Amino acid sequence: MGVPGSGLAKGLAVTLRTMTRRAQTVQYPDAQPELPPRTRGVIGLFEENCTVCMLCARECPDWCIYIDSHKETVPAAVPGGRERSRNVLDRFAIDFALCMYCGICIEVCPFDALFWSPEFEYAETDIQELTHERDKLREWMWTVPEPPALDPAAEEPKEIVAARKTAEKLAAQQAQEQQKEEGA
């Protein structure tokens, strides 16, 4: 056994040693943390892309996404065409008290209407206030960072290649028509 009180002396020695060192802890409210790019904070809604397909709500394992919509009739695009109906978003809300931040809703959205925002300061004093409606989700879209740049060595997406070919064909046709008009 050791000398009585040696544990207390060791503890005081550690305390005195650490008191003279500079603190490594960053005090959060005073200094904002350096977040890595593409940090998962909250989910932002780009409402213009939402077609109310309900995939996000159906695939959510926590059932924390609430969507309400109604059908609206769209007039025919061309004379003699038929009217179409489309879904119009009435309510889009996420209950962040239930959300487990898995990102499944973002992954399954076929129209890129949901994004990760690095915003993480949304604490509430009442748990019922953690259900954020589409207005708040839309505000968080402005904090979503730009996607990373494409690799310059990567091949172009097939959609861009097809669009370029179509544009070149149209430009060639217009040039031929102009030449015909000038020659006539």
N, C-alpha and C. Protein backbone atom coordinates (compact mmCIF):
# COMPACT_ATOMS: atom_id res chain seq x y z
N MET A 1 0.82 -1.20 0.00
CA MET A 1 0.00 0.00 0.00
C MET A 1 0.86 1.25 0.00
N GLY A 2 0.27 2.32 -0.47
CA GLY A 2 0.99 3.58 -0.55
C GLY A 2 0.83 4.41 0.71
N VAL A 3 1.39 5.54 0.65
CA VAL A 3 1.33 6.49 1.75
C VAL A 3 -0.07 7.08 1.78
N PRO A 4 -0.67 7.19 2.98
CA PRO A 4 -2.00 7.79 3.04
C PRO A 4 -1.98 9.23 2.51
N GLY A 5 -2.95 9.54 1.66
CA GLY A 5 -3.06 10.88 1.09
C GLY A 5 -2.27 11.06 -0.20
N SER A 6 -1.58 10.01 -0.67
CA SER A 6 -0.80 10.16 -1.91
C SER A 6 -1.72 10.33 -3.12
N GLY A 7 -2.88 9.70 -3.10
CA GLY A 7 -3.85 9.87 -4.20
C GLY A 7 -4.32 11.30 -4.30
N LEU A 8 -4.54 11.92 -3.13
CA LEU A 8 -4.96 13.31 -3.10
C LEU A 8 -3.86 14.21 -3.64
N ALA A 9 -2.63 13.93 -3.28
CA ALA A 9 -1.50 14.72 -3.76
C ALA A 9 -1.34 14.58 -5.27
N LYS A 10 -1.49 13.36 -5.79
CA LYS A 10 -1.41 13.16 -7.24
C LYS A 10 -2.51 13.94 -7.96
N GLY A 11 -3.70 13.90 -7.40
CA GLY A 11 -4.82 14.62 -8.00
C GLY A 11 -4.59 16.12 -8.02
N LEU A 12 -4.06 16.66 -6.92
CA LEU A 12 -3.75 18.09 -6.87
C LEU A 12 -2.65 18.45 -7.86
N ALA A 13 -1.67 17.57 -8.03
CA ALA A 13 -0.59 17.82 -8.98
C ALA A 13 -1.13 17.90 -10.40
N VAL A 14 -2.03 17.00 -10.75
CA VAL A 14 -2.65 17.03 -12.09
C VAL A 14 -3.44 18.31 -12.26
N THR A 15 -4.17 18.69 -11.24
CA THR A 15 -4.97 19.91 -11.31
C THR A 15 -4.07 21.13 -11.52
N LEU A 16 -3.00 21.22 -10.75
CA LEU A 16 -2.09 22.37 -10.88
C LEU A 16 -1.43 22.39 -12.25
N ARG A 17 -1.06 21.23 -12.78
CA ARG A 17 -0.45 21.16 -14.10
C ARG A 17 -1.41 21.63 -15.19
N THR A 18 -2.65 21.21 -15.14
CA THR A 18 -3.61 21.58 -16.19
C THR A 18 -4.09 23.02 -16.05
N MET A 19 -4.00 23.58 -14.86
CA MET A 19 -4.41 24.98 -14.67
C MET A 19 -3.47 25.93 -15.39
N THR A 20 -2.21 25.54 -15.56
CA THR A 20 -1.25 26.43 -16.20
C THR A 20 -1.26 26.32 -17.72
N ARG A 21 -1.89 25.29 -18.26
CA ARG A 21 -1.96 25.11 -19.72
C ARG A 21 -3.10 25.92 -20.31
N ARG A 22 -2.94 26.25 -21.60
CA ARG A 22 -4.01 26.95 -22.32
C ARG A 22 -5.11 25.95 -22.67
N ALA A 23 -6.35 26.35 -22.54
CA ALA A 23 -7.49 25.46 -22.80
C ALA A 23 -7.59 25.17 -24.30
N GLN A 24 -7.91 23.93 -24.65
CA GLN A 24 -8.08 23.51 -26.03
C GLN A 24 -9.55 23.55 -26.46
N THR A 25 -10.44 23.70 -25.50
CA THR A 25 -11.86 23.67 -25.79
C THR A 25 -12.30 24.98 -26.44
N VAL A 26 -13.09 24.87 -27.49
CA VAL A 26 -13.66 26.05 -28.14
C VAL A 26 -15.04 26.27 -27.53
N GLN A 27 -15.28 27.46 -27.07
CA GLN A 27 -16.58 27.76 -26.46
C GLN A 27 -17.58 28.01 -27.58
N TYR A 28 -18.52 27.09 -27.75
CA TYR A 28 -19.39 27.07 -28.93
C TYR A 28 -20.15 28.36 -29.20
N PRO A 29 -20.91 28.90 -28.31
CA PRO A 29 -21.69 30.06 -28.76
C PRO A 29 -20.81 31.24 -29.17
N ASP A 30 -19.64 31.36 -28.55
CA ASP A 30 -18.77 32.49 -28.86
C ASP A 30 -18.02 32.29 -30.17
N ALA A 31 -17.61 31.05 -30.43
CA ALA A 31 -16.86 30.74 -31.64
C ALA A 31 -17.60 29.65 -32.41
N GLN A 32 -17.95 29.95 -33.66
CA GLN A 32 -18.65 28.96 -34.48
C GLN A 32 -17.69 27.86 -34.92
N PRO A 33 -18.14 26.60 -34.92
CA PRO A 33 -17.25 25.51 -35.31
C PRO A 33 -16.99 25.52 -36.82
N GLU A 34 -15.84 25.00 -37.21
CA GLU A 34 -15.51 24.82 -38.63
C GLU A 34 -16.17 23.51 -39.08
N LEU A 35 -17.22 23.61 -39.87
CA LEU A 35 -17.93 22.42 -40.31
C LEU A 35 -17.31 21.90 -41.60
N PRO A 36 -17.21 20.58 -41.74
CA PRO A 36 -16.71 20.05 -43.01
C PRO A 36 -17.71 20.32 -44.13
N PRO A 37 -17.24 20.35 -45.38
CA PRO A 37 -18.18 20.58 -46.49
C PRO A 37 -19.20 19.45 -46.56
N ARG A 38 -20.39 19.78 -47.00
CA ARG A 38 -21.50 18.83 -47.15
C ARG A 38 -21.91 18.22 -45.81
N THR A 39 -21.86 19.00 -44.74
CA THR A 39 -22.28 18.56 -43.41
C THR A 39 -23.78 18.30 -43.40
N ARG A 40 -24.18 17.25 -42.71
CA ARG A 40 -25.61 16.96 -42.55
C ARG A 40 -26.13 17.71 -41.34
N GLY A 41 -26.93 18.72 -41.58
CA GLY A 41 -27.54 19.46 -40.50
C GLY A 41 -29.04 19.19 -40.49
N VAL A 42 -29.79 19.97 -41.23
CA VAL A 42 -31.23 19.77 -41.38
C VAL A 42 -31.53 19.60 -42.86
N ILE A 43 -32.77 19.29 -43.14
CA ILE A 43 -33.21 19.04 -44.51
C ILE A 43 -33.89 20.30 -45.04
N GLY A 44 -33.42 20.77 -46.20
CA GLY A 44 -34.00 21.93 -46.84
C GLY A 44 -34.87 21.50 -48.01
N LEU A 45 -35.93 22.26 -48.27
CA LEU A 45 -36.89 21.94 -49.34
C LEU A 45 -36.79 22.97 -50.45
N PHE A 46 -36.52 22.49 -51.68
CA PHE A 46 -36.57 23.34 -52.87
C PHE A 46 -37.95 23.10 -53.48
N GLU A 47 -38.89 23.92 -53.06
CA GLU A 47 -40.31 23.68 -53.33
C GLU A 47 -40.66 23.65 -54.82
N GLU A 48 -39.93 24.40 -55.63
CA GLU A 48 -40.22 24.45 -57.06
C GLU A 48 -40.02 23.09 -57.72
N ASN A 49 -39.15 22.25 -57.17
CA ASN A 49 -38.89 20.94 -57.76
C ASN A 49 -39.82 19.86 -57.23
N CYS A 50 -40.57 20.13 -56.18
CA CYS A 50 -41.43 19.11 -55.57
C CYS A 50 -42.67 18.88 -56.43
N THR A 51 -42.89 17.63 -56.81
CA THR A 51 -44.07 17.27 -57.61
C THR A 51 -45.11 16.54 -56.78
N VAL A 52 -44.93 16.50 -55.49
CA VAL A 52 -45.82 15.83 -54.55
C VAL A 52 -45.97 14.35 -54.93
N CYS A 53 -44.87 13.71 -55.24
CA CYS A 53 -44.90 12.29 -55.59
C CYS A 53 -44.99 11.42 -54.34
N MET A 54 -44.72 11.97 -53.18
CA MET A 54 -44.84 11.32 -51.87
C MET A 54 -43.80 10.23 -51.63
N LEU A 55 -42.80 10.10 -52.48
CA LEU A 55 -41.78 9.07 -52.27
C LEU A 55 -41.03 9.28 -50.96
N CYS A 56 -40.71 10.53 -50.65
CA CYS A 56 -39.96 10.81 -49.43
C CYS A 56 -40.74 10.39 -48.20
N ALA A 57 -42.04 10.69 -48.18
CA ALA A 57 -42.87 10.34 -47.03
C ALA A 57 -43.06 8.83 -46.92
N ARG A 58 -43.19 8.16 -48.07
CA ARG A 58 -43.39 6.70 -48.05
C ARG A 58 -42.15 5.95 -47.62
N GLU A 59 -40.97 6.45 -48.02
CA GLU A 59 -39.73 5.75 -47.72
C GLU A 59 -39.15 6.09 -46.35
N CYS A 60 -39.65 7.12 -45.72
CA CYS A 60 -39.13 7.55 -44.42
C CYS A 60 -39.39 6.48 -43.36
N PRO A 61 -38.34 5.93 -42.74
CA PRO A 61 -38.55 4.88 -41.74
C PRO A 61 -39.20 5.39 -40.47
N ASP A 62 -39.15 6.69 -40.22
CA ASP A 62 -39.74 7.24 -39.00
C ASP A 62 -41.12 7.88 -39.23
N TRP A 63 -41.56 7.96 -40.46
CA TRP A 63 -42.83 8.59 -40.81
C TRP A 63 -42.89 10.00 -40.23
N CYS A 64 -41.84 10.77 -40.44
CA CYS A 64 -41.80 12.11 -39.87
C CYS A 64 -42.04 13.20 -40.90
N ILE A 65 -42.36 12.83 -42.14
CA ILE A 65 -42.63 13.80 -43.20
C ILE A 65 -44.13 13.83 -43.46
N TYR A 66 -44.69 15.02 -43.38
CA TYR A 66 -46.13 15.20 -43.58
C TYR A 66 -46.37 16.03 -44.83
N ILE A 67 -47.13 15.47 -45.76
CA ILE A 67 -47.39 16.15 -47.04
C ILE A 67 -48.89 16.16 -47.29
N ASP A 68 -49.41 17.33 -47.62
CA ASP A 68 -50.81 17.47 -48.04
C ASP A 68 -50.80 18.17 -49.40
N SER A 69 -51.71 17.75 -50.27
CA SER A 69 -51.78 18.37 -51.59
C SER A 69 -53.21 18.30 -52.11
N HIS A 70 -53.43 18.97 -53.20
CA HIS A 70 -54.71 18.88 -53.90
C HIS A 70 -54.44 18.86 -55.40
N LYS A 71 -55.41 18.39 -56.17
CA LYS A 71 -55.27 18.33 -57.62
C LYS A 71 -55.81 19.62 -58.23
N GLU A 72 -55.11 20.06 -59.26
CA GLU A 72 -55.49 21.27 -59.97
C GLU A 72 -55.53 20.95 -61.45
N THR A 73 -56.49 21.49 -62.16
CA THR A 73 -56.60 21.24 -63.59
C THR A 73 -55.79 22.29 -64.35
N VAL A 74 -54.98 21.80 -65.27
CA VAL A 74 -54.16 22.68 -66.10
C VAL A 74 -54.78 22.69 -67.49
N PRO A 75 -55.02 23.87 -68.05
CA PRO A 75 -55.63 23.92 -69.39
C PRO A 75 -54.71 23.29 -70.44
N ALA A 76 -55.31 22.96 -71.57
CA ALA A 76 -54.57 22.32 -72.66
C ALA A 76 -53.44 23.24 -73.14
N ALA A 77 -52.30 22.63 -73.44
CA ALA A 77 -51.15 23.40 -73.89
C ALA A 77 -51.32 23.91 -75.32
N VAL A 78 -52.01 23.12 -76.14
CA VAL A 78 -52.26 23.51 -77.53
C VAL A 78 -53.76 23.44 -77.78
N PRO A 79 -54.24 24.21 -78.72
CA PRO A 79 -55.67 24.14 -79.03
C PRO A 79 -56.05 22.73 -79.48
N GLY A 80 -57.14 22.25 -78.96
CA GLY A 80 -57.59 20.90 -79.30
C GLY A 80 -56.98 19.84 -78.41
N GLY A 81 -56.05 20.21 -77.57
CA GLY A 81 -55.44 19.25 -76.64
C GLY A 81 -56.37 19.02 -75.46
N ARG A 82 -55.97 18.11 -74.61
CA ARG A 82 -56.83 17.83 -73.45
C ARG A 82 -56.23 18.44 -72.19
N GLU A 83 -57.13 18.70 -71.25
CA GLU A 83 -56.69 19.26 -69.98
C GLU A 83 -55.93 18.21 -69.18
N ARG A 84 -55.05 18.66 -68.35
CA ARG A 84 -54.27 17.76 -67.49
C ARG A 84 -54.52 18.16 -66.05
N SER A 85 -54.23 17.25 -65.16
CA SER A 85 -54.31 17.60 -63.75
C SER A 85 -52.93 17.39 -63.13
N ARG A 86 -52.63 18.20 -62.13
CA ARG A 86 -51.35 18.08 -61.45
C ARG A 86 -51.56 18.29 -59.96
N ASN A 87 -50.65 17.74 -59.17
CA ASN A 87 -50.71 17.90 -57.73
C ASN A 87 -50.09 19.24 -57.35
N VAL A 88 -50.73 19.91 -56.40
CA VAL A 88 -50.22 21.18 -55.89
C VAL A 88 -49.95 21.00 -54.41
N LEU A 89 -48.77 21.38 -53.99
CA LEU A 89 -48.34 21.20 -52.61
C LEU A 89 -49.06 22.18 -51.70
N ASP A 90 -49.75 21.65 -50.68
CA ASP A 90 -50.40 22.50 -49.68
C ASP A 90 -49.56 22.57 -48.41
N ARG A 91 -49.04 21.42 -48.00
CA ARG A 91 -48.26 21.36 -46.76
C ARG A 91 -47.10 20.39 -46.93
N PHE A 92 -45.94 20.79 -46.51
CA PHE A 92 -44.77 19.92 -46.44
C PHE A 92 -44.10 20.23 -45.12
N ALA A 93 -44.08 19.27 -44.22
CA ALA A 93 -43.50 19.49 -42.90
C ALA A 93 -42.66 18.29 -42.52
N ILE A 94 -41.61 18.55 -41.76
CA ILE A 94 -40.76 17.48 -41.22
C ILE A 94 -40.70 17.65 -39.72
N ASP A 95 -40.97 16.57 -39.00
CA ASP A 95 -40.88 16.58 -37.54
C ASP A 95 -39.48 16.15 -37.16
N PHE A 96 -38.63 17.12 -36.83
CA PHE A 96 -37.24 16.82 -36.50
C PHE A 96 -37.10 16.18 -35.13
N ALA A 97 -38.17 16.13 -34.34
CA ALA A 97 -38.12 15.39 -33.08
C ALA A 97 -38.14 13.88 -33.36
N LEU A 98 -38.71 13.49 -34.51
CA LEU A 98 -38.76 12.07 -34.89
C LEU A 98 -37.66 11.69 -35.87
N CYS A 99 -37.19 12.65 -36.65
CA CYS A 99 -36.23 12.38 -37.73
C CYS A 99 -34.93 11.81 -37.16
N MET A 100 -34.41 10.78 -37.83
CA MET A 100 -33.13 10.22 -37.40
C MET A 100 -32.01 10.59 -38.36
N TYR A 101 -32.27 11.53 -39.27
CA TYR A 101 -31.26 12.09 -40.16
C TYR A 101 -30.55 11.02 -40.99
N CYS A 102 -31.32 10.07 -41.48
CA CYS A 102 -30.74 8.98 -42.27
C CYS A 102 -30.50 9.42 -43.71
N GLY A 103 -31.26 10.39 -44.21
CA GLY A 103 -31.08 10.89 -45.56
C GLY A 103 -31.78 10.08 -46.64
N ILE A 104 -32.60 9.11 -46.25
CA ILE A 104 -33.31 8.30 -47.25
C ILE A 104 -34.23 9.18 -48.09
N CYS A 105 -34.90 10.13 -47.46
CA CYS A 105 -35.82 11.01 -48.20
C CYS A 105 -35.08 11.80 -49.27
N ILE A 106 -33.88 12.22 -48.98
CA ILE A 106 -33.09 12.99 -49.94
C ILE A 106 -32.64 12.10 -51.09
N GLU A 107 -32.26 10.87 -50.76
CA GLU A 107 -31.78 9.93 -51.78
C GLU A 107 -32.89 9.50 -52.74
N VAL A 108 -34.13 9.30 -52.23
CA VAL A 108 -35.19 8.78 -53.09
C VAL A 108 -35.90 9.86 -53.89
N CYS A 109 -35.67 11.13 -53.57
CA CYS A 109 -36.38 12.19 -54.29
C CYS A 109 -35.90 12.23 -55.74
N PRO A 110 -36.78 11.91 -56.70
CA PRO A 110 -36.35 11.87 -58.10
C PRO A 110 -36.20 13.24 -58.74
N PHE A 111 -36.66 14.29 -58.07
CA PHE A 111 -36.66 15.62 -58.68
C PHE A 111 -35.75 16.60 -57.94
N ASP A 112 -34.89 16.12 -57.07
CA ASP A 112 -33.97 16.96 -56.30
C ASP A 112 -34.68 18.12 -55.62
N ALA A 113 -35.68 17.79 -54.81
CA ALA A 113 -36.39 18.81 -54.05
C ALA A 113 -35.90 18.89 -52.62
N LEU A 114 -35.18 17.88 -52.15
CA LEU A 114 -34.68 17.87 -50.77
C LEU A 114 -33.16 17.85 -50.77
N PHE A 115 -32.58 18.62 -49.85
CA PHE A 115 -31.13 18.74 -49.75
C PHE A 115 -30.71 18.79 -48.29
N TRP A 116 -29.46 18.41 -48.02
CA TRP A 116 -28.87 18.58 -46.69
C TRP A 116 -28.40 20.01 -46.55
N SER A 117 -28.80 20.67 -45.49
CA SER A 117 -28.30 22.00 -45.15
C SER A 117 -27.35 21.86 -43.97
N PRO A 118 -26.26 22.60 -43.94
CA PRO A 118 -25.35 22.50 -42.79
C PRO A 118 -25.87 23.19 -41.54
N GLU A 119 -27.04 23.81 -41.62
CA GLU A 119 -27.61 24.51 -40.47
C GLU A 119 -27.89 23.52 -39.35
N PHE A 120 -27.43 23.84 -38.15
CA PHE A 120 -27.65 22.93 -37.03
C PHE A 120 -28.22 23.63 -35.81
N GLU A 121 -28.41 24.91 -35.87
CA GLU A 121 -28.93 25.66 -34.73
C GLU A 121 -30.43 25.85 -34.88
N TYR A 122 -31.19 24.88 -34.48
CA TYR A 122 -32.64 24.99 -34.57
C TYR A 122 -33.31 24.42 -33.34
N ALA A 123 -32.64 24.53 -32.20
CA ALA A 123 -33.18 24.00 -30.96
C ALA A 123 -34.43 24.78 -30.54
N GLU A 124 -35.33 24.09 -29.92
CA GLU A 124 -36.57 24.69 -29.43
C GLU A 124 -36.76 24.30 -27.97
N THR A 125 -37.50 25.11 -27.24
CA THR A 125 -37.77 24.77 -25.85
C THR A 125 -38.93 23.80 -25.72
N ASP A 126 -39.80 23.76 -26.73
CA ASP A 126 -40.95 22.85 -26.73
C ASP A 126 -40.77 21.85 -27.87
N ILE A 127 -40.89 20.57 -27.58
CA ILE A 127 -40.67 19.53 -28.59
C ILE A 127 -41.67 19.63 -29.74
N GLN A 128 -42.83 20.16 -29.50
CA GLN A 128 -43.84 20.27 -30.55
C GLN A 128 -43.46 21.33 -31.58
N GLU A 129 -42.55 22.22 -31.23
CA GLU A 129 -42.11 23.25 -32.18
C GLU A 129 -41.01 22.74 -33.12
N LEU A 130 -40.61 21.48 -32.98
CA LEU A 130 -39.60 20.91 -33.87
C LEU A 130 -40.20 20.40 -35.18
N THR A 131 -41.50 20.51 -35.35
CA THR A 131 -42.12 20.21 -36.64
C THR A 131 -42.05 21.49 -37.46
N HIS A 132 -41.16 21.48 -38.46
CA HIS A 132 -40.95 22.67 -39.27
C HIS A 132 -41.72 22.56 -40.58
N GLU A 133 -42.46 23.60 -40.88
CA GLU A 133 -43.27 23.65 -42.09
C GLU A 133 -42.42 24.08 -43.28
N ARG A 134 -43.03 24.11 -44.45
CA ARG A 134 -42.29 24.34 -45.69
C ARG A 134 -41.63 25.71 -45.74
N ASP A 135 -42.18 26.71 -45.07
CA ASP A 135 -41.55 28.04 -45.08
C ASP A 135 -40.17 27.98 -44.44
N LYS A 136 -40.08 27.30 -43.30
CA LYS A 136 -38.79 27.17 -42.62
C LYS A 136 -37.85 26.27 -43.42
N LEU A 137 -38.37 25.20 -44.01
CA LEU A 137 -37.55 24.30 -44.82
C LEU A 137 -37.02 25.03 -46.05
N ARG A 138 -37.82 25.94 -46.60
CA ARG A 138 -37.40 26.73 -47.76
C ARG A 138 -36.28 27.71 -47.37
N GLU A 139 -36.36 28.28 -46.17
CA GLU A 139 -35.32 29.19 -45.70
C GLU A 139 -33.97 28.48 -45.62
N TRP A 140 -33.97 27.22 -45.22
CA TRP A 140 -32.73 26.49 -45.07
C TRP A 140 -32.08 26.17 -46.42
N MET A 141 -32.83 26.26 -47.51
CA MET A 141 -32.25 26.00 -48.83
C MET A 141 -31.14 27.00 -49.15
N TRP A 142 -31.22 28.21 -48.60
CA TRP A 142 -30.22 29.23 -48.91
C TRP A 142 -28.89 28.93 -48.24
N THR A 143 -28.87 27.99 -47.28
CA THR A 143 -27.61 27.64 -46.62
C THR A 143 -26.99 26.39 -47.23
N VAL A 144 -27.67 25.78 -48.20
CA VAL A 144 -27.13 24.57 -48.84
C VAL A 144 -25.95 24.96 -49.72
N PRO A 145 -24.80 24.33 -49.54
CA PRO A 145 -23.64 24.69 -50.36
C PRO A 145 -23.78 24.19 -51.79
N GLU A 146 -23.02 24.80 -52.67
CA GLU A 146 -23.00 24.36 -54.07
C GLU A 146 -22.47 22.93 -54.14
N PRO A 147 -22.94 22.14 -55.07
CA PRO A 147 -22.38 20.79 -55.20
C PRO A 147 -20.91 20.87 -55.61
N PRO A 148 -20.15 19.84 -55.26
CA PRO A 148 -18.73 19.88 -55.64
C PRO A 148 -18.57 19.90 -57.16
N ALA A 149 -17.48 20.49 -57.60
CA ALA A 149 -17.23 20.59 -59.04
C ALA A 149 -17.01 19.20 -59.63
N LEU A 150 -17.41 19.06 -60.88
CA LEU A 150 -17.21 17.79 -61.56
C LEU A 150 -15.73 17.58 -61.86
N ASP A 151 -15.33 16.34 -61.91
CA ASP A 151 -13.95 16.00 -62.23
C ASP A 151 -13.71 16.37 -63.70
N PRO A 152 -12.70 17.19 -63.98
CA PRO A 152 -12.48 17.59 -65.38
C PRO A 152 -12.15 16.42 -66.29
N ALA A 153 -11.64 15.33 -65.74
CA ALA A 153 -11.29 14.17 -66.56
C ALA A 153 -12.50 13.25 -66.80
N ALA A 154 -13.60 13.51 -66.12
CA ALA A 154 -14.78 12.64 -66.27
C ALA A 154 -15.46 12.92 -67.61
N GLU A 155 -16.14 11.90 -68.12
CA GLU A 155 -16.87 12.11 -69.38
C GLU A 155 -18.15 12.88 -69.10
N GLU A 156 -18.60 13.59 -70.12
CA GLU A 156 -19.79 14.41 -69.96
C GLU A 156 -21.03 13.53 -69.79
N PRO A 157 -22.00 14.01 -69.00
CA PRO A 157 -23.24 13.25 -68.87
C PRO A 157 -23.93 13.10 -70.22
N LYS A 158 -24.59 11.97 -70.42
CA LYS A 158 -25.22 11.69 -71.72
C LYS A 158 -26.31 12.69 -72.06
N GLU A 159 -26.97 13.26 -71.04
CA GLU A 159 -28.01 14.25 -71.31
C GLU A 159 -27.42 15.51 -71.95
N ILE A 160 -26.26 15.92 -71.46
CA ILE A 160 -25.62 17.12 -72.00
C ILE A 160 -25.12 16.86 -73.42
N VAL A 161 -24.56 15.68 -73.65
CA VAL A 161 -24.09 15.33 -75.00
C VAL A 161 -25.26 15.32 -75.98
N ALA A 162 -26.39 14.70 -75.56
CA ALA A 162 -27.57 14.64 -76.44
C ALA A 162 -28.11 16.04 -76.70
N ALA A 163 -28.16 16.88 -75.69
CA ALA A 163 -28.66 18.24 -75.87
C ALA A 163 -27.75 19.03 -76.81
N ARG A 164 -26.44 18.85 -76.68
CA ARG A 164 -25.51 19.56 -77.55
C ARG A 164 -25.69 19.12 -79.00
N LYS A 165 -25.84 17.80 -79.22
CA LYS A 165 -26.04 17.30 -80.59
C LYS A 165 -27.31 17.87 -81.19
N THR A 166 -28.37 17.92 -80.41
CA THR A 166 -29.64 18.47 -80.90
C THR A 166 -29.48 19.94 -81.24
N ALA A 167 -28.80 20.69 -80.38
CA ALA A 167 -28.59 22.11 -80.64
C ALA A 167 -27.74 22.32 -81.88
N GLU A 168 -26.73 21.49 -82.08
CA GLU A 168 -25.88 21.61 -83.28
C GLU A 168 -26.67 21.31 -84.55
N LYS A 169 -27.56 20.29 -84.49
CA LYS A 169 -28.40 19.97 -85.66
C LYS A 169 -29.31 21.13 -85.99
N LEU A 170 -29.94 21.72 -84.95
CA LEU A 170 -30.83 22.85 -85.19
C LEU A 170 -30.06 24.03 -85.76
N ALA A 171 -28.87 24.29 -85.24
CA ALA A 171 -28.06 25.40 -85.75
C ALA A 171 -27.67 25.15 -87.21
N ALA A 172 -27.33 23.89 -87.55
CA ALA A 172 -26.97 23.56 -88.92
C ALA A 172 -28.17 23.73 -89.85
N GLN A 173 -29.35 23.32 -89.41
CA GLN A 173 -30.56 23.47 -90.22
C GLN A 173 -30.87 24.95 -90.45
N GLN A 174 -30.74 25.76 -89.40
CA GLN A 174 -31.00 27.19 -89.54
C GLN A 174 -29.99 27.83 -90.48
N ALA A 175 -28.74 27.40 -90.39
CA ALA A 175 -27.71 27.96 -91.29
C ALA A 175 -28.02 27.60 -92.74
N GLN A 176 -28.47 26.36 -92.98
CA GLN A 176 -28.81 25.95 -94.35
C GLN A 176 -30.00 26.75 -94.87
N GLU A 177 -31.00 26.97 -94.02
CA GLU A 177 -32.18 27.74 -94.44
C GLU A 177 -31.78 29.17 -94.78
N GLN A 178 -30.87 29.74 -93.97
CA GLN A 178 -30.42 31.10 -94.26
C GLN A 178 -29.67 31.18 -95.58
N GLN A 179 -28.84 30.17 -95.85
CA GLN A 179 -28.11 30.14 -97.11
C GLN A 179 -29.06 30.03 -98.30
N LYS A 180 -30.11 29.20 -98.14
CA LYS A 180 -31.10 29.06 -99.21
C LYS A 180 -31.81 30.39 -99.46
N GLU A 181 -32.16 31.09 -98.37
CA GLU A 181 -32.88 32.35 -98.50
C GLU A 181 -31.99 33.41 -99.15
N GLU A 182 -30.72 33.42 -98.79
CA GLU A 182 -29.80 34.43 -99.33
C GLU A 182 -29.49 34.12 -100.81
N GLY A 183 -29.43 32.82 -101.14
CA GLY A 183 -29.13 32.43 -102.53
C GLY A 183 -30.34 32.61 -103.45
N ALA A 184 -31.51 32.66 -102.93
CA ALA A 184 -32.70 32.76 -103.77
C ALA A 184 -33.02 34.16 -104.20
